[in-house]
Amino acid sequence: MSKADWNLKVAPVLIESVPRCQWGFNKSRRFVYASGSADIFGRQPEELLRQHVSSIDDSSGSWAARLDQIFSGTSPGHAAGPTAEQNQVILHVPIHATDGRIAYAAGFSFAAGDPAPAARELELAALAILQVLRSERTHTERFLHDVVAQCLSSTGLQLELLRLEIEDHQMQTPSRLAEMQNALAETLSRIRTFNAGHDAETA
């Protein structure tokens, strides 16, 4: 999205009617982002990242049903509410990939009675959020791979050389050395798992 598109089409919409909460699901029905008021889910937004829709669904599976309608393409959008308890309207819109497939379902909640933007305006707002997230993810993955993982690998190599030097002097290798090597290996494994988890968010 260009800066001109943002200034002309998205920014005025968000300024005029700010959502109480906004979120996005990928095709695996997992949260890729959530922000705003926690009352709609009963959990803080940061707790929802990568969680499946079943973690917030009700007994009738209404949240999963909404997403099924979006991802199946049978509905250009989905609106629900307002509910008596929360007094808000929930809107879902499909976010299309460049090949036309539905890649994400973006959700917004607005206070009942507030003007809600058109579906296209909501889609542009969601695309802007996803663009920022993608940029941050790329930066984080590059930092973890190019800086953190390389430093840990280098440290692991130095520890292995130290172990060999100790053995050359026919001394017993300290148990702490093995513990440090195991800790480094575990940390590298977690970095790879973290990067793999971010890749899976787009699935």
N, C-alpha and C. Protein backbone atom coordinates (compact mmCIF):
# COMPACT_ATOMS: atom_id res chain seq x y z
N MET A 1 0.85 -1.19 0.00
CA MET A 1 0.00 0.00 0.00
C MET A 1 0.89 1.24 0.00
N SER A 2 0.58 2.18 -0.87
CA SER A 2 1.38 3.40 -0.95
C SER A 2 0.99 4.36 0.17
N LYS A 3 1.88 5.31 0.41
CA LYS A 3 1.60 6.32 1.43
C LYS A 3 0.38 7.15 1.04
N ALA A 4 0.23 7.41 -0.27
CA ALA A 4 -0.92 8.18 -0.74
C ALA A 4 -2.23 7.43 -0.46
N ASP A 5 -2.23 6.11 -0.72
CA ASP A 5 -3.43 5.31 -0.43
C ASP A 5 -3.78 5.37 1.04
N TRP A 6 -2.73 5.25 1.87
CA TRP A 6 -2.96 5.29 3.32
C TRP A 6 -3.57 6.63 3.73
N ASN A 7 -2.97 7.73 3.26
CA ASN A 7 -3.43 9.06 3.66
C ASN A 7 -4.84 9.36 3.16
N LEU A 8 -5.16 8.89 1.95
CA LEU A 8 -6.44 9.22 1.34
C LEU A 8 -7.57 8.28 1.74
N LYS A 9 -7.26 6.98 1.90
CA LYS A 9 -8.32 6.00 2.06
C LYS A 9 -8.42 5.40 3.46
N VAL A 10 -7.29 5.25 4.13
CA VAL A 10 -7.32 4.51 5.39
C VAL A 10 -7.30 5.43 6.60
N ALA A 11 -6.35 6.36 6.64
CA ALA A 11 -6.21 7.22 7.82
C ALA A 11 -7.50 7.93 8.19
N PRO A 12 -8.24 8.53 7.24
CA PRO A 12 -9.48 9.21 7.64
C PRO A 12 -10.51 8.26 8.25
N VAL A 13 -10.54 7.02 7.76
CA VAL A 13 -11.49 6.03 8.28
C VAL A 13 -11.16 5.70 9.72
N LEU A 14 -9.90 5.48 10.00
CA LEU A 14 -9.50 5.12 11.35
C LEU A 14 -9.66 6.27 12.32
N ILE A 15 -9.44 7.48 11.82
CA ILE A 15 -9.60 8.66 12.68
C ILE A 15 -11.08 8.87 13.02
N GLU A 16 -11.96 8.66 12.01
CA GLU A 16 -13.39 8.90 12.21
C GLU A 16 -14.03 7.86 13.12
N SER A 17 -13.66 6.63 12.95
CA SER A 17 -14.28 5.58 13.76
C SER A 17 -13.23 4.53 14.12
N VAL A 18 -12.60 4.72 15.26
CA VAL A 18 -11.54 3.82 15.70
C VAL A 18 -12.17 2.54 16.26
N PRO A 19 -11.72 1.37 15.78
CA PRO A 19 -12.28 0.11 16.32
C PRO A 19 -11.95 -0.04 17.80
N ARG A 20 -12.86 -0.65 18.54
CA ARG A 20 -12.57 -0.96 19.94
C ARG A 20 -11.55 -2.08 20.02
N CYS A 21 -11.59 -2.96 19.03
CA CYS A 21 -10.67 -4.09 18.99
C CYS A 21 -10.51 -4.51 17.53
N GLN A 22 -9.34 -5.01 17.18
CA GLN A 22 -9.12 -5.53 15.83
C GLN A 22 -8.18 -6.72 15.90
N TRP A 23 -8.36 -7.65 14.96
CA TRP A 23 -7.60 -8.89 15.00
C TRP A 23 -7.55 -9.50 13.61
N GLY A 24 -6.73 -10.52 13.45
CA GLY A 24 -6.64 -11.22 12.18
C GLY A 24 -6.37 -12.69 12.39
N PHE A 25 -6.98 -13.52 11.54
CA PHE A 25 -6.76 -14.97 11.55
C PHE A 25 -6.13 -15.38 10.22
N ASN A 26 -5.23 -16.38 10.28
CA ASN A 26 -4.74 -16.96 9.03
C ASN A 26 -5.62 -18.14 8.65
N LYS A 27 -5.26 -18.82 7.55
CA LYS A 27 -6.10 -19.93 7.06
C LYS A 27 -6.15 -21.09 8.02
N SER A 28 -5.18 -21.18 8.92
CA SER A 28 -5.18 -22.23 9.93
C SER A 28 -6.07 -21.88 11.11
N ARG A 29 -6.77 -20.75 10.99
CA ARG A 29 -7.68 -20.28 12.04
C ARG A 29 -6.93 -19.92 13.32
N ARG A 30 -5.73 -19.39 13.15
CA ARG A 30 -4.94 -18.93 14.29
C ARG A 30 -4.77 -17.42 14.22
N PHE A 31 -4.75 -16.78 15.40
CA PHE A 31 -4.53 -15.35 15.46
C PHE A 31 -3.14 -14.99 14.93
N VAL A 32 -3.08 -14.00 14.06
CA VAL A 32 -1.79 -13.45 13.66
C VAL A 32 -1.55 -12.09 14.31
N TYR A 33 -2.61 -11.45 14.76
CA TYR A 33 -2.49 -10.24 15.56
C TYR A 33 -3.80 -9.98 16.28
N ALA A 34 -3.72 -9.21 17.34
CA ALA A 34 -4.91 -8.77 18.07
C ALA A 34 -4.51 -7.53 18.86
N SER A 35 -5.38 -6.56 18.89
CA SER A 35 -5.09 -5.34 19.65
C SER A 35 -6.39 -4.69 20.09
N GLY A 36 -6.28 -3.82 21.06
CA GLY A 36 -7.44 -3.08 21.54
C GLY A 36 -8.04 -3.67 22.79
N SER A 37 -9.32 -3.42 22.99
CA SER A 37 -10.03 -3.83 24.20
C SER A 37 -10.04 -5.34 24.35
N ALA A 38 -9.86 -5.79 25.58
CA ALA A 38 -9.80 -7.23 25.86
C ALA A 38 -11.17 -7.83 26.17
N ASP A 39 -12.23 -6.99 26.27
CA ASP A 39 -13.50 -7.51 26.74
C ASP A 39 -14.17 -8.47 25.75
N ILE A 40 -13.87 -8.33 24.46
CA ILE A 40 -14.54 -9.18 23.49
C ILE A 40 -14.10 -10.64 23.59
N PHE A 41 -12.83 -10.86 23.96
CA PHE A 41 -12.31 -12.22 24.07
C PHE A 41 -12.12 -12.69 25.51
N GLY A 42 -12.14 -11.76 26.44
CA GLY A 42 -11.91 -12.12 27.83
C GLY A 42 -10.46 -12.45 28.12
N ARG A 43 -9.59 -12.10 27.19
CA ARG A 43 -8.15 -12.33 27.36
C ARG A 43 -7.41 -11.14 26.79
N GLN A 44 -6.21 -10.90 27.29
CA GLN A 44 -5.41 -9.81 26.77
C GLN A 44 -4.96 -10.12 25.34
N PRO A 45 -4.89 -9.11 24.46
CA PRO A 45 -4.51 -9.35 23.07
C PRO A 45 -3.20 -10.12 22.90
N GLU A 46 -2.20 -9.82 23.74
CA GLU A 46 -0.90 -10.49 23.59
C GLU A 46 -0.98 -11.98 23.91
N GLU A 47 -2.00 -12.40 24.64
CA GLU A 47 -2.17 -13.82 24.95
C GLU A 47 -2.75 -14.60 23.77
N LEU A 48 -3.29 -13.90 22.79
CA LEU A 48 -4.01 -14.57 21.70
C LEU A 48 -3.11 -14.93 20.51
N LEU A 49 -1.92 -14.34 20.42
CA LEU A 49 -1.06 -14.57 19.27
C LEU A 49 -0.79 -16.06 19.07
N ARG A 50 -1.06 -16.55 17.86
CA ARG A 50 -0.89 -17.94 17.43
C ARG A 50 -1.92 -18.90 18.03
N GLN A 51 -2.85 -18.40 18.83
CA GLN A 51 -3.87 -19.28 19.42
C GLN A 51 -4.93 -19.61 18.38
N HIS A 52 -5.46 -20.84 18.44
CA HIS A 52 -6.50 -21.28 17.52
C HIS A 52 -7.83 -20.65 17.91
N VAL A 53 -8.72 -20.51 16.94
CA VAL A 53 -10.03 -19.90 17.21
C VAL A 53 -10.78 -20.66 18.30
N SER A 54 -10.54 -21.96 18.42
CA SER A 54 -11.22 -22.75 19.44
C SER A 54 -10.93 -22.24 20.85
N SER A 55 -9.82 -21.53 21.03
CA SER A 55 -9.46 -21.04 22.37
C SER A 55 -10.38 -19.91 22.82
N ILE A 56 -11.11 -19.28 21.89
CA ILE A 56 -12.01 -18.19 22.27
C ILE A 56 -13.45 -18.47 21.86
N ASP A 57 -13.70 -19.63 21.27
CA ASP A 57 -15.03 -19.92 20.73
C ASP A 57 -16.03 -20.25 21.84
N ASP A 58 -17.31 -20.08 21.51
CA ASP A 58 -18.36 -20.44 22.44
C ASP A 58 -18.82 -21.87 22.15
N SER A 59 -19.78 -22.34 22.94
CA SER A 59 -20.21 -23.74 22.82
C SER A 59 -20.85 -24.05 21.48
N SER A 60 -21.42 -23.06 20.82
CA SER A 60 -22.05 -23.29 19.52
C SER A 60 -21.07 -23.15 18.36
N GLY A 61 -19.82 -22.77 18.64
CA GLY A 61 -18.82 -22.64 17.59
C GLY A 61 -19.07 -21.49 16.64
N SER A 62 -19.64 -20.40 17.15
CA SER A 62 -20.01 -19.28 16.28
C SER A 62 -18.79 -18.58 15.68
N TRP A 63 -17.69 -18.50 16.43
CA TRP A 63 -16.49 -17.87 15.88
C TRP A 63 -15.92 -18.69 14.73
N ALA A 64 -15.82 -20.00 14.90
CA ALA A 64 -15.33 -20.86 13.83
C ALA A 64 -16.23 -20.79 12.61
N ALA A 65 -17.54 -20.71 12.84
CA ALA A 65 -18.50 -20.63 11.73
C ALA A 65 -18.30 -19.34 10.93
N ARG A 66 -18.04 -18.25 11.62
CA ARG A 66 -17.78 -16.98 10.93
C ARG A 66 -16.56 -17.09 10.02
N LEU A 67 -15.50 -17.69 10.57
CA LEU A 67 -14.29 -17.84 9.77
C LEU A 67 -14.50 -18.77 8.59
N ASP A 68 -15.27 -19.83 8.80
CA ASP A 68 -15.56 -20.76 7.70
C ASP A 68 -16.25 -20.03 6.55
N GLN A 69 -17.17 -19.14 6.89
CA GLN A 69 -17.86 -18.38 5.85
C GLN A 69 -16.90 -17.49 5.08
N ILE A 70 -15.98 -16.87 5.80
CA ILE A 70 -15.02 -15.98 5.14
C ILE A 70 -14.07 -16.77 4.23
N PHE A 71 -13.43 -17.81 4.79
CA PHE A 71 -12.41 -18.54 4.03
C PHE A 71 -13.00 -19.39 2.91
N SER A 72 -14.26 -19.77 3.02
CA SER A 72 -14.88 -20.55 1.95
C SER A 72 -15.25 -19.67 0.77
N GLY A 73 -15.27 -18.36 0.98
CA GLY A 73 -15.63 -17.45 -0.09
C GLY A 73 -17.12 -17.33 -0.30
N THR A 74 -17.91 -17.95 0.57
CA THR A 74 -19.37 -17.90 0.41
C THR A 74 -19.95 -16.59 0.93
N SER A 75 -19.13 -15.82 1.65
CA SER A 75 -19.60 -14.54 2.18
C SER A 75 -18.53 -13.48 1.96
N PRO A 76 -18.90 -12.33 1.38
CA PRO A 76 -17.90 -11.27 1.20
C PRO A 76 -17.49 -10.63 2.51
N GLY A 77 -18.24 -10.91 3.55
CA GLY A 77 -17.96 -10.36 4.88
C GLY A 77 -18.97 -10.93 5.85
N HIS A 78 -18.75 -10.69 7.11
CA HIS A 78 -19.67 -11.22 8.10
C HIS A 78 -19.84 -10.19 9.21
N ALA A 79 -21.08 -9.92 9.56
CA ALA A 79 -21.38 -8.98 10.63
C ALA A 79 -22.20 -9.69 11.70
N ALA A 80 -21.93 -9.38 12.94
CA ALA A 80 -22.68 -9.96 14.05
C ALA A 80 -22.84 -8.92 15.13
N GLY A 81 -23.93 -9.05 15.89
CA GLY A 81 -24.13 -8.16 17.02
C GLY A 81 -25.11 -7.05 16.67
N PRO A 82 -25.29 -6.08 17.56
CA PRO A 82 -24.57 -6.01 18.83
C PRO A 82 -25.10 -7.01 19.85
N THR A 83 -24.22 -7.44 20.74
CA THR A 83 -24.65 -8.33 21.82
C THR A 83 -25.08 -7.49 23.01
N ALA A 84 -26.01 -8.03 23.78
CA ALA A 84 -26.53 -7.29 24.93
C ALA A 84 -25.43 -7.06 25.97
N GLU A 85 -24.53 -8.05 26.11
CA GLU A 85 -23.51 -7.94 27.15
C GLU A 85 -22.42 -6.94 26.78
N GLN A 86 -22.00 -6.98 25.53
CA GLN A 86 -20.85 -6.17 25.14
C GLN A 86 -21.24 -4.92 24.37
N ASN A 87 -22.45 -4.88 23.82
CA ASN A 87 -22.95 -3.72 23.11
C ASN A 87 -21.99 -3.28 22.01
N GLN A 88 -21.59 -4.23 21.21
CA GLN A 88 -20.70 -3.91 20.11
C GLN A 88 -21.01 -4.76 18.89
N VAL A 89 -20.64 -4.24 17.74
CA VAL A 89 -20.84 -4.92 16.46
C VAL A 89 -19.52 -5.53 16.03
N ILE A 90 -19.55 -6.78 15.59
CA ILE A 90 -18.35 -7.48 15.14
C ILE A 90 -18.41 -7.63 13.62
N LEU A 91 -17.35 -7.23 12.95
CA LEU A 91 -17.27 -7.32 11.50
C LEU A 91 -16.05 -8.15 11.09
N HIS A 92 -16.24 -9.03 10.13
CA HIS A 92 -15.12 -9.77 9.55
C HIS A 92 -15.08 -9.51 8.05
N VAL A 93 -13.88 -9.31 7.52
CA VAL A 93 -13.72 -9.11 6.07
C VAL A 93 -12.59 -10.01 5.58
N PRO A 94 -12.71 -10.54 4.36
CA PRO A 94 -11.64 -11.36 3.80
C PRO A 94 -10.50 -10.48 3.28
N ILE A 95 -9.27 -10.96 3.46
CA ILE A 95 -8.09 -10.29 2.93
C ILE A 95 -7.51 -11.18 1.84
N HIS A 96 -7.47 -10.68 0.62
CA HIS A 96 -7.07 -11.49 -0.52
C HIS A 96 -5.58 -11.37 -0.81
N ALA A 97 -4.99 -12.49 -1.22
CA ALA A 97 -3.61 -12.49 -1.71
C ALA A 97 -3.60 -11.96 -3.14
N THR A 98 -2.40 -11.75 -3.69
CA THR A 98 -2.30 -11.19 -5.03
C THR A 98 -2.90 -12.10 -6.09
N ASP A 99 -2.98 -13.40 -5.82
CA ASP A 99 -3.57 -14.33 -6.79
C ASP A 99 -5.08 -14.47 -6.61
N GLY A 100 -5.66 -13.69 -5.72
CA GLY A 100 -7.10 -13.72 -5.54
C GLY A 100 -7.60 -14.63 -4.44
N ARG A 101 -6.73 -15.51 -3.92
CA ARG A 101 -7.14 -16.40 -2.84
C ARG A 101 -7.32 -15.61 -1.54
N ILE A 102 -8.18 -16.12 -0.68
CA ILE A 102 -8.38 -15.49 0.62
C ILE A 102 -7.27 -15.97 1.56
N ALA A 103 -6.45 -15.05 2.02
CA ALA A 103 -5.29 -15.40 2.84
C ALA A 103 -5.54 -15.19 4.33
N TYR A 104 -6.35 -14.19 4.66
CA TYR A 104 -6.60 -13.86 6.06
C TYR A 104 -8.07 -13.46 6.24
N ALA A 105 -8.53 -13.53 7.47
CA ALA A 105 -9.82 -12.97 7.85
C ALA A 105 -9.54 -11.90 8.90
N ALA A 106 -9.85 -10.66 8.58
CA ALA A 106 -9.62 -9.56 9.50
C ALA A 106 -10.90 -9.26 10.26
N GLY A 107 -10.77 -9.02 11.56
CA GLY A 107 -11.94 -8.74 12.38
C GLY A 107 -11.83 -7.39 13.07
N PHE A 108 -12.97 -6.77 13.24
CA PHE A 108 -13.05 -5.46 13.89
C PHE A 108 -14.29 -5.45 14.77
N SER A 109 -14.23 -4.73 15.87
CA SER A 109 -15.43 -4.51 16.67
C SER A 109 -15.60 -3.01 16.87
N PHE A 110 -16.85 -2.57 16.76
CA PHE A 110 -17.20 -1.17 16.94
C PHE A 110 -18.34 -1.09 17.94
N ALA A 111 -18.37 -0.01 18.69
CA ALA A 111 -19.48 0.20 19.63
C ALA A 111 -20.77 0.29 18.84
N ALA A 112 -21.81 -0.33 19.35
CA ALA A 112 -23.11 -0.29 18.68
C ALA A 112 -23.56 1.15 18.51
N GLY A 113 -24.00 1.48 17.30
CA GLY A 113 -24.45 2.84 17.01
C GLY A 113 -23.38 3.69 16.36
N ASP A 114 -22.10 3.30 16.50
CA ASP A 114 -21.03 4.05 15.83
C ASP A 114 -21.04 3.73 14.34
N PRO A 115 -20.67 4.69 13.50
CA PRO A 115 -20.60 4.39 12.06
C PRO A 115 -19.46 3.43 11.77
N ALA A 116 -19.74 2.40 10.99
CA ALA A 116 -18.70 1.42 10.63
C ALA A 116 -18.23 1.69 9.21
N PRO A 117 -16.92 1.65 8.97
CA PRO A 117 -16.41 1.86 7.62
C PRO A 117 -16.89 0.78 6.66
N ALA A 118 -16.76 1.06 5.38
CA ALA A 118 -17.11 0.08 4.35
C ALA A 118 -16.09 -1.05 4.36
N ALA A 119 -16.49 -2.20 3.79
CA ALA A 119 -15.63 -3.39 3.79
C ALA A 119 -14.29 -3.11 3.14
N ARG A 120 -14.28 -2.36 2.03
CA ARG A 120 -13.01 -2.08 1.33
C ARG A 120 -12.08 -1.25 2.21
N GLU A 121 -12.64 -0.31 2.95
CA GLU A 121 -11.82 0.51 3.84
C GLU A 121 -11.23 -0.32 4.97
N LEU A 122 -12.03 -1.25 5.49
CA LEU A 122 -11.53 -2.14 6.54
C LEU A 122 -10.45 -3.06 5.99
N GLU A 123 -10.62 -3.51 4.76
CA GLU A 123 -9.61 -4.37 4.14
C GLU A 123 -8.29 -3.63 4.00
N LEU A 124 -8.35 -2.37 3.57
CA LEU A 124 -7.13 -1.56 3.44
C LEU A 124 -6.45 -1.36 4.80
N ALA A 125 -7.26 -1.14 5.84
CA ALA A 125 -6.69 -0.99 7.19
C ALA A 125 -6.00 -2.27 7.62
N ALA A 126 -6.65 -3.42 7.37
CA ALA A 126 -6.05 -4.71 7.75
C ALA A 126 -4.78 -4.97 6.95
N LEU A 127 -4.78 -4.63 5.67
CA LEU A 127 -3.58 -4.82 4.85
C LEU A 127 -2.42 -3.99 5.39
N ALA A 128 -2.71 -2.79 5.85
CA ALA A 128 -1.65 -1.95 6.42
C ALA A 128 -1.07 -2.59 7.67
N ILE A 129 -1.93 -3.16 8.52
CA ILE A 129 -1.45 -3.83 9.73
C ILE A 129 -0.57 -5.02 9.37
N LEU A 130 -1.02 -5.83 8.41
CA LEU A 130 -0.26 -7.01 7.99
C LEU A 130 1.07 -6.62 7.38
N GLN A 131 1.08 -5.51 6.66
CA GLN A 131 2.33 -5.05 6.05
C GLN A 131 3.34 -4.67 7.12
N VAL A 132 2.89 -3.99 8.16
CA VAL A 132 3.77 -3.62 9.27
C VAL A 132 4.28 -4.88 9.98
N LEU A 133 3.39 -5.83 10.24
CA LEU A 133 3.79 -7.07 10.90
C LEU A 133 4.81 -7.84 10.08
N ARG A 134 4.61 -7.89 8.77
CA ARG A 134 5.54 -8.62 7.90
C ARG A 134 6.92 -7.97 7.93
N SER A 135 6.94 -6.62 7.93
CA SER A 135 8.21 -5.90 7.99
C SER A 135 8.93 -6.16 9.31
N GLU A 136 8.17 -6.12 10.43
CA GLU A 136 8.77 -6.38 11.74
C GLU A 136 9.27 -7.82 11.84
N ARG A 137 8.51 -8.77 11.29
CA ARG A 137 8.90 -10.17 11.34
C ARG A 137 10.19 -10.40 10.57
N THR A 138 10.30 -9.79 9.38
CA THR A 138 11.50 -9.93 8.57
C THR A 138 12.71 -9.38 9.31
N HIS A 139 12.53 -8.21 9.94
CA HIS A 139 13.62 -7.60 10.69
C HIS A 139 14.05 -8.48 11.86
N THR A 140 13.07 -9.02 12.58
CA THR A 140 13.37 -9.87 13.73
C THR A 140 14.08 -11.15 13.31
N GLU A 141 13.59 -11.78 12.25
CA GLU A 141 14.19 -13.03 11.78
C GLU A 141 15.63 -12.79 11.30
N ARG A 142 15.85 -11.66 10.62
CA ARG A 142 17.20 -11.36 10.14
C ARG A 142 18.15 -11.14 11.32
N PHE A 143 17.66 -10.42 12.34
CA PHE A 143 18.49 -10.17 13.52
C PHE A 143 18.82 -11.48 14.22
N LEU A 144 17.81 -12.34 14.40
CA LEU A 144 18.04 -13.60 15.09
C LEU A 144 19.02 -14.48 14.31
N HIS A 145 18.88 -14.50 13.00
CA HIS A 145 19.76 -15.37 12.20
C HIS A 145 21.15 -14.77 12.04
N ASP A 146 21.22 -13.50 11.66
CA ASP A 146 22.51 -12.90 11.33
C ASP A 146 23.33 -12.50 12.54
N VAL A 147 22.68 -12.21 13.64
CA VAL A 147 23.42 -11.73 14.81
C VAL A 147 23.41 -12.76 15.94
N VAL A 148 22.23 -13.05 16.45
CA VAL A 148 22.15 -13.90 17.64
C VAL A 148 22.62 -15.32 17.34
N ALA A 149 22.07 -15.94 16.31
CA ALA A 149 22.44 -17.33 16.01
C ALA A 149 23.91 -17.46 15.66
N GLN A 150 24.45 -16.50 14.93
CA GLN A 150 25.87 -16.55 14.56
C GLN A 150 26.76 -16.41 15.80
N CYS A 151 26.39 -15.53 16.70
CA CYS A 151 27.17 -15.36 17.94
C CYS A 151 27.12 -16.63 18.78
N LEU A 152 25.94 -17.23 18.88
CA LEU A 152 25.82 -18.46 19.67
C LEU A 152 26.60 -19.61 19.02
N SER A 153 26.55 -19.70 17.71
CA SER A 153 27.31 -20.74 17.02
C SER A 153 28.80 -20.57 17.23
N SER A 154 29.25 -19.32 17.16
CA SER A 154 30.67 -19.04 17.38
C SER A 154 31.08 -19.39 18.81
N THR A 155 30.22 -19.05 19.77
CA THR A 155 30.50 -19.40 21.16
C THR A 155 30.55 -20.91 21.35
N GLY A 156 29.63 -21.62 20.70
CA GLY A 156 29.63 -23.08 20.76
C GLY A 156 30.90 -23.67 20.21
N LEU A 157 31.40 -23.10 19.12
CA LEU A 157 32.67 -23.58 18.54
C LEU A 157 33.83 -23.33 19.50
N GLN A 158 33.85 -22.17 20.13
CA GLN A 158 34.91 -21.87 21.09
C GLN A 158 34.88 -22.84 22.28
N LEU A 159 33.69 -23.18 22.72
CA LEU A 159 33.58 -24.14 23.82
C LEU A 159 34.08 -25.52 23.41
N GLU A 160 33.79 -25.91 22.18
CA GLU A 160 34.26 -27.21 21.71
C GLU A 160 35.79 -27.23 21.61
N LEU A 161 36.38 -26.13 21.15
CA LEU A 161 37.85 -26.04 21.10
C LEU A 161 38.44 -26.09 22.50
N LEU A 162 37.77 -25.43 23.45
CA LEU A 162 38.23 -25.47 24.84
C LEU A 162 38.18 -26.89 25.38
N ARG A 163 37.10 -27.61 25.06
CA ARG A 163 36.98 -28.99 25.52
C ARG A 163 38.11 -29.85 24.98
N LEU A 164 38.42 -29.69 23.69
CA LEU A 164 39.50 -30.47 23.08
C LEU A 164 40.85 -30.11 23.69
N GLU A 165 41.04 -28.82 23.99
CA GLU A 165 42.30 -28.39 24.61
C GLU A 165 42.46 -29.00 26.00
N ILE A 166 41.38 -29.05 26.75
CA ILE A 166 41.42 -29.65 28.09
C ILE A 166 41.76 -31.13 27.99
N GLU A 167 41.13 -31.81 27.04
CA GLU A 167 41.40 -33.24 26.87
C GLU A 167 42.83 -33.49 26.41
N ASP A 168 43.40 -32.58 25.58
CA ASP A 168 44.79 -32.72 25.14
C ASP A 168 45.76 -32.67 26.32
N HIS A 169 45.37 -31.94 27.35
CA HIS A 169 46.20 -31.84 28.54
C HIS A 169 45.88 -32.96 29.53
N GLN A 170 45.10 -33.93 29.04
CA GLN A 170 44.74 -35.12 29.83
C GLN A 170 44.11 -34.73 31.16
N MET A 171 43.25 -33.74 31.06
CA MET A 171 42.50 -33.32 32.24
C MET A 171 41.04 -33.71 32.04
N GLN A 172 40.32 -33.85 33.13
CA GLN A 172 38.91 -34.19 33.06
C GLN A 172 38.10 -32.97 32.63
N THR A 173 37.24 -33.17 31.66
CA THR A 173 36.41 -32.07 31.16
C THR A 173 35.38 -31.69 32.22
N PRO A 174 35.33 -30.42 32.61
CA PRO A 174 34.35 -30.00 33.63
C PRO A 174 32.92 -30.25 33.15
N SER A 175 32.08 -30.69 34.04
CA SER A 175 30.69 -30.96 33.68
C SER A 175 29.97 -29.68 33.27
N ARG A 176 30.43 -28.56 33.80
CA ARG A 176 29.81 -27.28 33.45
C ARG A 176 29.97 -26.98 31.97
N LEU A 177 31.05 -27.46 31.38
CA LEU A 177 31.28 -27.20 29.96
C LEU A 177 30.20 -27.87 29.11
N ALA A 178 29.89 -29.10 29.43
CA ALA A 178 28.84 -29.82 28.71
C ALA A 178 27.49 -29.14 28.91
N GLU A 179 27.25 -28.66 30.12
CA GLU A 179 26.00 -27.97 30.40
C GLU A 179 25.88 -26.71 29.56
N MET A 180 26.97 -25.98 29.41
CA MET A 180 26.96 -24.76 28.60
C MET A 180 26.71 -25.09 27.13
N GLN A 181 27.33 -26.17 26.64
CA GLN A 181 27.11 -26.57 25.25
C GLN A 181 25.66 -26.97 25.02
N ASN A 182 25.09 -27.67 25.97
CA ASN A 182 23.68 -28.07 25.86
C ASN A 182 22.75 -26.85 25.89
N ALA A 183 23.09 -25.88 26.73
CA ALA A 183 22.27 -24.67 26.82
C ALA A 183 22.31 -23.89 25.50
N LEU A 184 23.50 -23.82 24.91
CA LEU A 184 23.63 -23.14 23.62
C LEU A 184 22.83 -23.85 22.54
N ALA A 185 22.93 -25.17 22.52
CA ALA A 185 22.19 -25.95 21.53
C ALA A 185 20.68 -25.75 21.68
N GLU A 186 20.22 -25.70 22.92
CA GLU A 186 18.80 -25.49 23.19
C GLU A 186 18.36 -24.10 22.73
N THR A 187 19.19 -23.10 22.97
CA THR A 187 18.86 -21.74 22.56
C THR A 187 18.77 -21.64 21.04
N LEU A 188 19.73 -22.24 20.34
CA LEU A 188 19.69 -22.24 18.87
C LEU A 188 18.44 -22.95 18.36
N SER A 189 18.07 -24.03 19.01
CA SER A 189 16.87 -24.77 18.63
C SER A 189 15.63 -23.90 18.81
N ARG A 190 15.59 -23.13 19.89
CA ARG A 190 14.43 -22.27 20.13
C ARG A 190 14.34 -21.16 19.10
N ILE A 191 15.48 -20.63 18.68
CA ILE A 191 15.48 -19.60 17.64
C ILE A 191 14.93 -20.16 16.34
N ARG A 192 15.36 -21.38 15.98
CA ARG A 192 14.84 -22.00 14.76
C ARG A 192 13.34 -22.26 14.87
N THR A 193 12.89 -22.69 16.05
CA THR A 193 11.46 -22.94 16.25
C THR A 193 10.67 -21.65 16.16
N PHE A 194 11.24 -20.58 16.72
CA PHE A 194 10.58 -19.27 16.65
C PHE A 194 10.41 -18.83 15.21
N ASN A 195 11.48 -18.94 14.41
CA ASN A 195 11.39 -18.55 13.00
C ASN A 195 10.41 -19.44 12.25
N ALA A 196 10.40 -20.72 12.54
CA ALA A 196 9.47 -21.63 11.89
C ALA A 196 8.04 -21.29 12.25
N GLY A 197 7.82 -20.89 13.51
CA GLY A 197 6.48 -20.50 13.94
C GLY A 197 5.98 -19.28 13.22
N HIS A 198 6.86 -18.33 12.96
CA HIS A 198 6.48 -17.14 12.22
C HIS A 198 6.14 -17.49 10.77
N ASP A 199 6.91 -18.42 10.19
CA ASP A 199 6.59 -18.84 8.82
C ASP A 199 5.22 -19.51 8.76
N ALA A 200 4.88 -20.27 9.80
CA ALA A 200 3.61 -20.99 9.82
C ALA A 200 2.41 -20.05 9.93
N GLU A 201 2.64 -18.83 10.41
CA GLU A 201 1.53 -17.90 10.55
C GLU A 201 0.90 -17.56 9.22
N THR A 202 1.67 -17.65 8.14
CA THR A 202 1.14 -17.31 6.83
C THR A 202 0.48 -18.50 6.16
N ALA A 203 0.52 -19.68 6.83
CA ALA A 203 -0.06 -20.88 6.22
C ALA A 203 -1.57 -20.90 6.37
